[in-house]
Amino acid sequence: MQKSIRKYWWLFVLPTMAAFAIGFIIPFAYGVFLSFCKFTTVTDWKWVGIRNYTRIFVVNGKVDTTFLHSLWYTTLFTVVTMLIINIVAFAIAMALTKGIRGTNVFRTAFFLPNLIGGIVLSYIWLMIFNSILAKHSMTIVSTQWTAFWGLVAVVCWQQIGYMMIIYVAGIQNIPGDLLEAAKIDGANSWQLLRYVTIPMLRSTITVCTFLTLTNGFKLFDQNLALTGGNPGKLSELLALNIFNTMYSTQGWQGVGQAKAVIFFILVAIISLIQNKMSRSKEVEQ
């Protein structure tokens, strides 16, 4: 039986590989090809070389900073949300693993926002923000910074509960004997946190950090529903900038595809770094 399986292993692998090729490899390769073409539909294309990539930064001889603005704006947004989400989620997880009454209720309450769709969540918060800012004759899109902090608040509120669950699982896997031994040796709460809890949670922290990193870079639906890139495209994150280039500007489909390729490379680099760091942590442990 085992010899037969080894002989015909390709029969078992073929359906999965065929589905992967049809659903990912072929569309991705064709998408990269289209980034070097001018097209209106995927079958109506004309080869233009690297022109689409140059038009990302230079249009009619003038420097276009729209994409670069979206890049640094997205980077700043990602760093801020990564720090806030992980610090707050870790703090809540520590509080909920102290054996206090009603822990399960609190866990459920903190996790619930993650179950709400990004579009619905954004429209709810849009009404809340605008009703508050109306007292100061402002809206969420009055400036790029009101839009920025509005996006930060919505994303943090949605994702903190999810990261909290991961941190709770990591904290509960710390051996109780290790904590007891540290207490017997005279370690106080701060020393337990610094020298025992955090080192034992290195792999968990790595996972949560890069989950929030990739989520920040890929954010689209909340950006579209909450700010729409306003005012004047100043609150466009990368995903929304690519979407608007692709579907809102006639004849710029190839440029949008080129931006998407650059976006993929950025996310791929982040994912590779995450994988390498996760493996190094596993080896150390």
C-alpha atoms as a PDB file:
ATOM      1  CA  MET A   1       0.000   0.000   0.000  1.00  0.00           C
ATOM      2  CA  GLN A   2       2.762   2.433   0.957  1.00  0.00           C
ATOM      3  CA  LYS A   3       4.722   1.566  -2.191  1.00  0.00           C
ATOM      4  CA  SER A   4       1.644   2.347  -4.316  1.00  0.00           C
ATOM      5  CA  ILE A   5       1.194   5.713  -2.606  1.00  0.00           C
ATOM      6  CA  ARG A   6       4.855   6.572  -3.149  1.00  0.00           C
ATOM      7  CA  LYS A   7       4.619   5.537  -6.790  1.00  0.00           C
ATOM      8  CA  TYR A   8       1.501   7.567  -7.553  1.00  0.00           C
ATOM      9  CA  TRP A   9       2.069  10.487  -5.168  1.00  0.00           C
ATOM     10  CA  TRP A  10       1.681  12.941  -8.021  1.00  0.00           C
ATOM     11  CA  LEU A  11      -1.977  11.910  -8.431  1.00  0.00           C
ATOM     12  CA  PHE A  12      -2.697  13.187  -4.914  1.00  0.00           C
ATOM     13  CA  VAL A  13      -0.680  16.392  -5.369  1.00  0.00           C
ATOM     14  CA  LEU A  14      -1.976  17.248  -8.856  1.00  0.00           C
ATOM     15  CA  PRO A  15      -5.501  18.520  -7.897  1.00  0.00           C
ATOM     16  CA  THR A  16      -4.125  20.862  -5.236  1.00  0.00           C
ATOM     17  CA  MET A  17      -1.322  22.120  -7.479  1.00  0.00           C
ATOM     18  CA  ALA A  18      -3.754  22.630 -10.365  1.00  0.00           C
ATOM     19  CA  ALA A  19      -6.123  24.638  -8.154  1.00  0.00           C
ATOM     20  CA  PHE A  20      -3.188  26.698  -6.798  1.00  0.00           C
ATOM     21  CA  ALA A  21      -1.901  27.391 -10.312  1.00  0.00           C
ATOM     22  CA  ILE A  22      -5.335  28.376 -11.663  1.00  0.00           C
ATOM     23  CA  GLY A  23      -6.304  30.450  -8.637  1.00  0.00           C
ATOM     24  CA  PHE A  24      -2.984  32.160  -7.865  1.00  0.00           C
ATOM     25  CA  ILE A  25       0.113  31.522 -10.004  1.00  0.00           C
ATOM     26  CA  ILE A  26      -1.427  32.157 -13.457  1.00  0.00           C
ATOM     27  CA  PRO A  27      -3.433  35.288 -12.427  1.00  0.00           C
ATOM     28  CA  PHE A  28      -0.403  36.661 -10.570  1.00  0.00           C
ATOM     29  CA  ALA A  29       1.973  36.090 -13.480  1.00  0.00           C
ATOM     30  CA  TYR A  30      -0.527  37.636 -15.905  1.00  0.00           C
ATOM     31  CA  GLY A  31      -0.960  40.589 -13.548  1.00  0.00           C
ATOM     32  CA  VAL A  32       2.794  41.200 -13.499  1.00  0.00           C
ATOM     33  CA  PHE A  33       2.785  41.022 -17.320  1.00  0.00           C
ATOM     34  CA  LEU A  34      -0.072  43.561 -17.520  1.00  0.00           C
ATOM     35  CA  SER A  35       1.910  45.971 -15.353  1.00  0.00           C
ATOM     36  CA  PHE A  36       4.157  46.443 -18.408  1.00  0.00           C
ATOM     37  CA  CYS A  37       1.179  47.046 -20.718  1.00  0.00           C
ATOM     38  CA  LYS A  38      -1.412  49.699 -21.460  1.00  0.00           C
ATOM     39  CA  PHE A  39      -4.825  48.060 -21.303  1.00  0.00           C
ATOM     40  CA  THR A  40      -8.517  48.627 -20.716  1.00  0.00           C
ATOM     41  CA  THR A  41      -9.439  44.946 -20.389  1.00  0.00           C
ATOM     42  CA  VAL A  42      -7.193  41.972 -19.690  1.00  0.00           C
ATOM     43  CA  THR A  43      -7.437  40.858 -23.337  1.00  0.00           C
ATOM     44  CA  ASP A  44      -6.946  44.303 -24.899  1.00  0.00           C
ATOM     45  CA  TRP A  45      -3.342  45.238 -24.109  1.00  0.00           C
ATOM     46  CA  LYS A  46      -0.365  46.980 -25.679  1.00  0.00           C
ATOM     47  CA  TRP A  47       3.212  46.535 -24.462  1.00  0.00           C
ATOM     48  CA  VAL A  48       4.717  49.789 -23.088  1.00  0.00           C
ATOM     49  CA  GLY A  49       7.658  48.463 -21.066  1.00  0.00           C
ATOM     50  CA  ILE A  50       8.458  50.257 -17.815  1.00  0.00           C
ATOM     51  CA  ARG A  51       6.356  53.312 -18.727  1.00  0.00           C
ATOM     52  CA  ASN A  52       3.684  52.406 -16.173  1.00  0.00           C
ATOM     53  CA  TYR A  53       6.286  52.265 -13.411  1.00  0.00           C
ATOM     54  CA  THR A  54       7.730  55.671 -14.335  1.00  0.00           C
ATOM     55  CA  ARG A  55       4.221  57.192 -14.472  1.00  0.00           C
ATOM     56  CA  ILE A  56       3.772  56.262 -10.815  1.00  0.00           C
ATOM     57  CA  PHE A  57       6.245  58.994  -9.908  1.00  0.00           C
ATOM     58  CA  VAL A  58       6.385  61.310 -12.963  1.00  0.00           C
ATOM     59  CA  VAL A  59       3.348  62.494 -14.979  1.00  0.00           C
ATOM     60  CA  ASN A  60       3.744  64.835 -17.982  1.00  0.00           C
ATOM     61  CA  GLY A  61       7.230  65.782 -16.843  1.00  0.00           C
ATOM     62  CA  LYS A  62       6.082  66.702 -13.332  1.00  0.00           C
ATOM     63  CA  VAL A  63       6.757  64.744 -10.163  1.00  0.00           C
ATOM     64  CA  ASP A  64       3.615  63.074  -8.797  1.00  0.00           C
ATOM     65  CA  THR A  65       3.907  62.602  -5.043  1.00  0.00           C
ATOM     66  CA  THR A  66       0.508  60.937  -4.575  1.00  0.00           C
ATOM     67  CA  PHE A  67       1.870  57.395  -4.369  1.00  0.00           C
ATOM     68  CA  LEU A  68       4.839  58.395  -2.198  1.00  0.00           C
ATOM     69  CA  HIS A  69       2.472  60.268   0.132  1.00  0.00           C
ATOM     70  CA  SER A  70       0.293  57.150   0.414  1.00  0.00           C
ATOM     71  CA  LEU A  71       3.408  55.080   1.104  1.00  0.00           C
ATOM     72  CA  TRP A  72       4.691  57.153   4.019  1.00  0.00           C
ATOM     73  CA  TYR A  73       1.159  57.766   5.303  1.00  0.00           C
ATOM     74  CA  THR A  74       0.539  53.992   5.293  1.00  0.00           C
ATOM     75  CA  THR A  75       3.887  53.328   6.965  1.00  0.00           C
ATOM     76  CA  LEU A  76       3.157  55.840   9.742  1.00  0.00           C
ATOM     77  CA  PHE A  77      -0.356  54.445  10.170  1.00  0.00           C
ATOM     78  CA  THR A  78       0.974  50.884  10.353  1.00  0.00           C
ATOM     79  CA  VAL A  79       3.645  51.693  12.946  1.00  0.00           C
ATOM     80  CA  VAL A  80       1.212  53.622  15.173  1.00  0.00           C
ATOM     81  CA  THR A  81      -1.522  50.960  15.038  1.00  0.00           C
ATOM     82  CA  MET A  82       1.009  48.165  15.560  1.00  0.00           C
ATOM     83  CA  LEU A  83       2.300  49.760  18.765  1.00  0.00           C
ATOM     84  CA  ILE A  84      -1.115  50.695  20.176  1.00  0.00           C
ATOM     85  CA  ILE A  85      -2.786  47.374  19.336  1.00  0.00           C
ATOM     86  CA  ASN A  86      -0.019  45.202  20.759  1.00  0.00           C
ATOM     87  CA  ILE A  87       0.569  47.234  23.927  1.00  0.00           C
ATOM     88  CA  VAL A  88      -3.142  47.513  24.785  1.00  0.00           C
ATOM     89  CA  ALA A  89      -3.909  43.900  23.812  1.00  0.00           C
ATOM     90  CA  PHE A  90      -1.015  42.647  25.944  1.00  0.00           C
ATOM     91  CA  ALA A  91      -2.113  44.761  28.914  1.00  0.00           C
ATOM     92  CA  ILE A  92      -5.698  43.473  28.661  1.00  0.00           C
ATOM     93  CA  ALA A  93      -4.483  39.883  28.297  1.00  0.00           C
ATOM     94  CA  MET A  94      -2.354  40.231  31.427  1.00  0.00           C
ATOM     95  CA  ALA A  95      -5.345  41.605  33.337  1.00  0.00           C
ATOM     96  CA  LEU A  96      -7.656  38.827  32.140  1.00  0.00           C
ATOM     97  CA  THR A  97      -5.261  36.047  33.188  1.00  0.00           C
ATOM     98  CA  LYS A  98      -5.149  37.145  36.831  1.00  0.00           C
ATOM     99  CA  GLY A  99      -8.132  34.977  37.755  1.00  0.00           C
ATOM    100  CA  ILE A 100     -10.592  37.841  38.261  1.00  0.00           C
ATOM    101  CA  ARG A 101     -14.335  37.149  38.164  1.00  0.00           C
ATOM    102  CA  GLY A 102     -16.158  37.607  34.860  1.00  0.00           C
ATOM    103  CA  THR A 103     -13.059  36.989  32.749  1.00  0.00           C
ATOM    104  CA  ASN A 104     -14.966  35.109  30.026  1.00  0.00           C
ATOM    105  CA  VAL A 105     -17.491  37.935  29.719  1.00  0.00           C
ATOM    106  CA  PHE A 106     -14.722  40.504  29.297  1.00  0.00           C
ATOM    107  CA  ARG A 107     -12.931  38.344  26.708  1.00  0.00           C
ATOM    108  CA  THR A 108     -16.107  38.056  24.677  1.00  0.00           C
ATOM    109  CA  ALA A 109     -16.810  41.772  24.924  1.00  0.00           C
ATOM    110  CA  PHE A 110     -13.305  42.719  23.763  1.00  0.00           C
ATOM    111  CA  PHE A 111     -13.400  40.193  20.903  1.00  0.00           C
ATOM    112  CA  LEU A 112     -16.837  41.183  19.547  1.00  0.00           C
ATOM    113  CA  PRO A 113     -15.652  44.196  17.462  1.00  0.00           C
ATOM    114  CA  ASN A 114     -13.482  41.827  15.417  1.00  0.00           C
ATOM    115  CA  LEU A 115     -16.640  39.998  14.282  1.00  0.00           C
ATOM    116  CA  ILE A 116     -18.114  43.154  12.733  1.00  0.00           C
ATOM    117  CA  GLY A 117     -17.251  43.834   9.095  1.00  0.00           C
ATOM    118  CA  GLY A 118     -14.874  46.703   8.393  1.00  0.00           C
ATOM    119  CA  ILE A 119     -17.367  48.596   6.209  1.00  0.00           C
ATOM    120  CA  VAL A 120     -20.184  48.408   8.767  1.00  0.00           C
ATOM    121  CA  LEU A 121     -17.830  49.287  11.602  1.00  0.00           C
ATOM    122  CA  SER A 122     -16.474  52.297   9.719  1.00  0.00           C
ATOM    123  CA  TYR A 123     -19.929  53.704   8.969  1.00  0.00           C
ATOM    124  CA  ILE A 124     -20.889  53.386  12.644  1.00  0.00           C
ATOM    125  CA  TRP A 125     -17.743  55.208  13.770  1.00  0.00           C
ATOM    126  CA  LEU A 126     -18.130  57.772  10.982  1.00  0.00           C
ATOM    127  CA  MET A 127     -21.442  58.899  12.497  1.00  0.00           C
ATOM    128  CA  ILE A 128     -19.907  58.972  15.979  1.00  0.00           C
ATOM    129  CA  PHE A 129     -16.844  60.978  14.921  1.00  0.00           C
ATOM    130  CA  ASN A 130     -18.804  63.481  12.836  1.00  0.00           C
ATOM    131  CA  SER A 131     -21.347  64.054  15.593  1.00  0.00           C
ATOM    132  CA  ILE A 132     -18.526  64.845  18.032  1.00  0.00           C
ATOM    133  CA  LEU A 133     -16.484  66.961  15.608  1.00  0.00           C
ATOM    134  CA  ALA A 134     -19.585  68.884  14.463  1.00  0.00           C
ATOM    135  CA  LYS A 135     -19.461  70.757  17.776  1.00  0.00           C
ATOM    136  CA  HIS A 136     -16.138  72.196  16.595  1.00  0.00           C
ATOM    137  CA  SER A 137     -17.362  72.829  13.017  1.00  0.00           C
ATOM    138  CA  MET A 138     -15.269  69.918  11.731  1.00  0.00           C
ATOM    139  CA  THR A 139     -15.705  66.459  10.182  1.00  0.00           C
ATOM    140  CA  ILE A 140     -13.532  63.369  10.125  1.00  0.00           C
ATOM    141  CA  VAL A 141     -12.049  64.533   6.804  1.00  0.00           C
ATOM    142  CA  SER A 142     -11.416  68.165   7.741  1.00  0.00           C
ATOM    143  CA  THR A 143      -7.665  67.454   7.749  1.00  0.00           C
ATOM    144  CA  GLN A 144      -5.496  64.465   6.942  1.00  0.00           C
ATOM    145  CA  TRP A 145      -4.705  64.147  10.651  1.00  0.00           C
ATOM    146  CA  THR A 146      -8.295  63.971  11.857  1.00  0.00           C
ATOM    147  CA  ALA A 147      -8.748  61.281   9.198  1.00  0.00           C
ATOM    148  CA  PHE A 148      -5.533  59.583  10.348  1.00  0.00           C
ATOM    149  CA  TRP A 149      -6.495  59.353  14.006  1.00  0.00           C
ATOM    150  CA  GLY A 150     -10.018  58.324  13.066  1.00  0.00           C
ATOM    151  CA  LEU A 151      -8.608  55.388  11.091  1.00  0.00           C
ATOM    152  CA  VAL A 152      -6.257  54.536  13.957  1.00  0.00           C
ATOM    153  CA  ALA A 153      -9.137  54.499  16.456  1.00  0.00           C
ATOM    154  CA  VAL A 154     -11.359  52.282  14.287  1.00  0.00           C
ATOM    155  CA  VAL A 155      -8.639  49.755  13.432  1.00  0.00           C
ATOM    156  CA  CYS A 156      -7.386  49.545  17.018  1.00  0.00           C
ATOM    157  CA  TRP A 157     -10.914  49.093  18.353  1.00  0.00           C
ATOM    158  CA  GLN A 158     -11.496  46.268  15.877  1.00  0.00           C
ATOM    159  CA  GLN A 159      -8.203  44.386  16.196  1.00  0.00           C
ATOM    160  CA  ILE A 160      -7.240  44.706  19.863  1.00  0.00           C
ATOM    161  CA  GLY A 161      -9.665  41.938  20.872  1.00  0.00           C
ATOM    162  CA  TYR A 162      -8.249  39.509  18.323  1.00  0.00           C
ATOM    163  CA  MET A 163      -4.653  40.110  19.404  1.00  0.00           C
ATOM    164  CA  MET A 164      -5.740  39.875  23.033  1.00  0.00           C
ATOM    165  CA  ILE A 165      -6.950  36.297  22.443  1.00  0.00           C
ATOM    166  CA  ILE A 166      -3.544  35.346  21.005  1.00  0.00           C
ATOM    167  CA  TYR A 167      -1.721  36.919  23.956  1.00  0.00           C
ATOM    168  CA  VAL A 168      -4.040  35.186  26.428  1.00  0.00           C
ATOM    169  CA  ALA A 169      -3.238  31.825  24.826  1.00  0.00           C
ATOM    170  CA  GLY A 170       0.487  32.573  25.040  1.00  0.00           C
ATOM    171  CA  ILE A 171       0.320  33.666  28.688  1.00  0.00           C
ATOM    172  CA  GLN A 172      -1.654  30.569  29.670  1.00  0.00           C
ATOM    173  CA  ASN A 173       1.055  28.368  28.113  1.00  0.00           C
ATOM    174  CA  ILE A 174       3.741  29.764  30.425  1.00  0.00           C
ATOM    175  CA  PRO A 175       4.560  26.986  32.951  1.00  0.00           C
ATOM    176  CA  GLY A 176       3.155  27.820  36.375  1.00  0.00           C
ATOM    177  CA  ASP A 177       6.186  26.187  38.024  1.00  0.00           C
ATOM    178  CA  LEU A 178       8.448  28.738  36.337  1.00  0.00           C
ATOM    179  CA  LEU A 179       6.451  31.645  37.735  1.00  0.00           C
ATOM    180  CA  GLU A 180       6.333  30.074  41.202  1.00  0.00           C
ATOM    181  CA  ALA A 181      10.090  29.505  41.177  1.00  0.00           C
ATOM    182  CA  ALA A 182      10.685  33.145  40.247  1.00  0.00           C
ATOM    183  CA  LYS A 183       8.406  34.302  43.084  1.00  0.00           C
ATOM    184  CA  ILE A 184      10.219  32.074  45.576  1.00  0.00           C
ATOM    185  CA  ASP A 185      13.500  33.625  44.428  1.00  0.00           C
ATOM    186  CA  GLY A 186      12.074  37.026  45.372  1.00  0.00           C
ATOM    187  CA  ALA A 187      11.023  38.380  41.993  1.00  0.00           C
ATOM    188  CA  ASN A 188       8.422  41.154  42.160  1.00  0.00           C
ATOM    189  CA  SER A 189       5.662  41.787  39.595  1.00  0.00           C
ATOM    190  CA  TRP A 190       7.841  43.961  37.352  1.00  0.00           C
ATOM    191  CA  GLN A 191      10.702  41.446  37.401  1.00  0.00           C
ATOM    192  CA  LEU A 192       8.297  38.595  36.618  1.00  0.00           C
ATOM    193  CA  LEU A 193       7.018  40.541  33.629  1.00  0.00           C
ATOM    194  CA  ARG A 194      10.442  41.573  32.355  1.00  0.00           C
ATOM    195  CA  TYR A 195      12.485  38.428  32.958  1.00  0.00           C
ATOM    196  CA  VAL A 196       9.900  35.633  32.734  1.00  0.00           C
ATOM    197  CA  THR A 197       6.646  36.571  30.992  1.00  0.00           C
ATOM    198  CA  ILE A 198       7.961  38.660  28.083  1.00  0.00           C
ATOM    199  CA  PRO A 199      10.866  36.299  27.206  1.00  0.00           C
ATOM    200  CA  MET A 200       8.441  33.344  27.227  1.00  0.00           C
ATOM    201  CA  LEU A 201       6.102  35.254  24.913  1.00  0.00           C
ATOM    202  CA  ARG A 202       8.688  36.144  22.262  1.00  0.00           C
ATOM    203  CA  SER A 203       7.133  33.958  19.575  1.00  0.00           C
ATOM    204  CA  THR A 204       3.636  35.238  20.429  1.00  0.00           C
ATOM    205  CA  ILE A 205       4.808  38.852  20.313  1.00  0.00           C
ATOM    206  CA  THR A 206       6.461  38.194  16.938  1.00  0.00           C
ATOM    207  CA  VAL A 207       3.257  36.727  15.489  1.00  0.00           C
ATOM    208  CA  CYS A 208       1.061  39.562  16.783  1.00  0.00           C
ATOM    209  CA  THR A 209       3.527  42.225  15.668  1.00  0.00           C
ATOM    210  CA  PHE A 210       3.650  41.021  12.087  1.00  0.00           C
ATOM    211  CA  LEU A 211      -0.079  40.327  11.932  1.00  0.00           C
ATOM    212  CA  THR A 212      -0.712  43.969  12.792  1.00  0.00           C
ATOM    213  CA  LEU A 213       2.014  45.052  10.353  1.00  0.00           C
ATOM    214  CA  THR A 214       0.514  43.191   7.405  1.00  0.00           C
ATOM    215  CA  ASN A 215      -3.031  44.185   8.372  1.00  0.00           C
ATOM    216  CA  GLY A 216      -1.979  47.832   8.465  1.00  0.00           C
ATOM    217  CA  PHE A 217      -0.348  47.736   5.051  1.00  0.00           C
ATOM    218  CA  LYS A 218      -3.285  45.874   3.477  1.00  0.00           C
ATOM    219  CA  LEU A 219      -6.047  47.992   5.032  1.00  0.00           C
ATOM    220  CA  PHE A 220      -8.680  48.973   2.480  1.00  0.00           C
ATOM    221  CA  ASP A 221     -12.338  48.721   3.500  1.00  0.00           C
ATOM    222  CA  GLN A 222     -12.109  50.947   6.594  1.00  0.00           C
ATOM    223  CA  ASN A 223     -10.165  53.551   4.616  1.00  0.00           C
ATOM    224  CA  LEU A 224     -12.765  53.524   1.834  1.00  0.00           C
ATOM    225  CA  ALA A 225     -15.790  53.755   4.129  1.00  0.00           C
ATOM    226  CA  LEU A 226     -14.440  56.103   6.806  1.00  0.00           C
ATOM    227  CA  THR A 227     -12.511  58.739   4.830  1.00  0.00           C
ATOM    228  CA  GLY A 228     -12.612  57.763   1.151  1.00  0.00           C
ATOM    229  CA  GLY A 229      -9.088  59.177   0.909  1.00  0.00           C
ATOM    230  CA  ASN A 230     -10.311  62.695   1.672  1.00  0.00           C
ATOM    231  CA  PRO A 231      -9.416  65.472   2.008  1.00  0.00           C
ATOM    232  CA  GLY A 232      -7.874  65.609  -1.478  1.00  0.00           C
ATOM    233  CA  LYS A 233      -6.417  62.076  -1.387  1.00  0.00           C
ATOM    234  CA  LEU A 234      -4.345  63.013   1.674  1.00  0.00           C
ATOM    235  CA  SER A 235      -5.715  60.114   3.750  1.00  0.00           C
ATOM    236  CA  GLU A 236      -5.340  57.461   1.049  1.00  0.00           C
ATOM    237  CA  LEU A 237      -3.576  54.342   2.236  1.00  0.00           C
ATOM    238  CA  LEU A 238      -1.735  52.249  -0.350  1.00  0.00           C
ATOM    239  CA  ALA A 239      -4.568  49.820  -1.091  1.00  0.00           C
ATOM    240  CA  LEU A 240      -7.097  52.612  -1.679  1.00  0.00           C
ATOM    241  CA  ASN A 241      -4.593  54.562  -3.782  1.00  0.00           C
ATOM    242  CA  ILE A 242      -4.135  51.526  -6.043  1.00  0.00           C
ATOM    243  CA  PHE A 243      -7.899  50.991  -6.250  1.00  0.00           C
ATOM    244  CA  ASN A 244      -8.561  54.621  -7.231  1.00  0.00           C
ATOM    245  CA  THR A 245      -5.770  54.564  -9.814  1.00  0.00           C
ATOM    246  CA  MET A 246      -7.130  51.364 -11.336  1.00  0.00           C
ATOM    247  CA  TYR A 247     -10.828  52.192 -11.468  1.00  0.00           C
ATOM    248  CA  SER A 248     -11.190  55.970 -11.168  1.00  0.00           C
ATOM    249  CA  THR A 249      -8.688  57.195 -13.763  1.00  0.00           C
ATOM    250  CA  GLN A 250      -9.317  56.390 -17.417  1.00  0.00           C
ATOM    251  CA  GLY A 251      -6.313  54.859 -19.180  1.00  0.00           C
ATOM    252  CA  TRP A 252      -4.381  54.301 -15.948  1.00  0.00           C
ATOM    253  CA  GLN A 253      -5.191  50.626 -15.460  1.00  0.00           C
ATOM    254  CA  GLY A 254      -1.588  49.679 -16.262  1.00  0.00           C
ATOM    255  CA  VAL A 255      -0.268  52.180 -13.720  1.00  0.00           C
ATOM    256  CA  GLY A 256      -2.627  50.759 -11.109  1.00  0.00           C
ATOM    257  CA  GLN A 257      -1.359  47.266 -11.919  1.00  0.00           C
ATOM    258  CA  ALA A 258       2.252  48.462 -11.562  1.00  0.00           C
ATOM    259  CA  LYS A 259       1.426  49.938  -8.157  1.00  0.00           C
ATOM    260  CA  ALA A 260      -0.155  46.619  -7.188  1.00  0.00           C
ATOM    261  CA  VAL A 261       3.062  44.778  -8.084  1.00  0.00           C
ATOM    262  CA  ILE A 262       5.111  47.170  -5.918  1.00  0.00           C
ATOM    263  CA  PHE A 263       2.540  46.729  -3.132  1.00  0.00           C
ATOM    264  CA  PHE A 264       2.852  42.937  -3.394  1.00  0.00           C
ATOM    265  CA  ILE A 265       6.644  43.151  -3.149  1.00  0.00           C
ATOM    266  CA  LEU A 266       6.399  45.270   0.021  1.00  0.00           C
ATOM    267  CA  VAL A 267       3.969  42.864   1.701  1.00  0.00           C
ATOM    268  CA  ALA A 268       6.043  39.860   0.560  1.00  0.00           C
ATOM    269  CA  ILE A 269       9.192  41.359   2.103  1.00  0.00           C
ATOM    270  CA  ILE A 270       7.354  41.900   5.401  1.00  0.00           C
ATOM    271  CA  SER A 271       6.051  38.310   5.327  1.00  0.00           C
ATOM    272  CA  LEU A 272       9.521  36.892   4.619  1.00  0.00           C
ATOM    273  CA  ILE A 273      10.998  38.872   7.508  1.00  0.00           C
ATOM    274  CA  GLN A 274       8.205  37.589   9.758  1.00  0.00           C
ATOM    275  CA  ASN A 275       8.860  33.989   8.705  1.00  0.00           C
ATOM    276  CA  LYS A 276      12.610  34.324   9.266  1.00  0.00           C
ATOM    277  CA  MET A 277      12.166  35.888  12.705  1.00  0.00           C
ATOM    278  CA  SER A 278       9.599  33.267  13.721  1.00  0.00           C
ATOM    279  CA  ARG A 279      11.978  30.472  12.733  1.00  0.00           C
ATOM    280  CA  SER A 280      14.863  32.067  14.627  1.00  0.00           C
ATOM    281  CA  LYS A 281      12.695  32.321  17.753  1.00  0.00           C
ATOM    282  CA  GLU A 282      11.754  28.642  17.443  1.00  0.00           C
ATOM    283  CA  VAL A 283      15.437  27.668  17.193  1.00  0.00           C
ATOM    284  CA  GLU A 284      16.319  29.777  20.253  1.00  0.00           C
ATOM    285  CA  GLN A 285      13.564  28.136  22.278  1.00  0.00           C
END
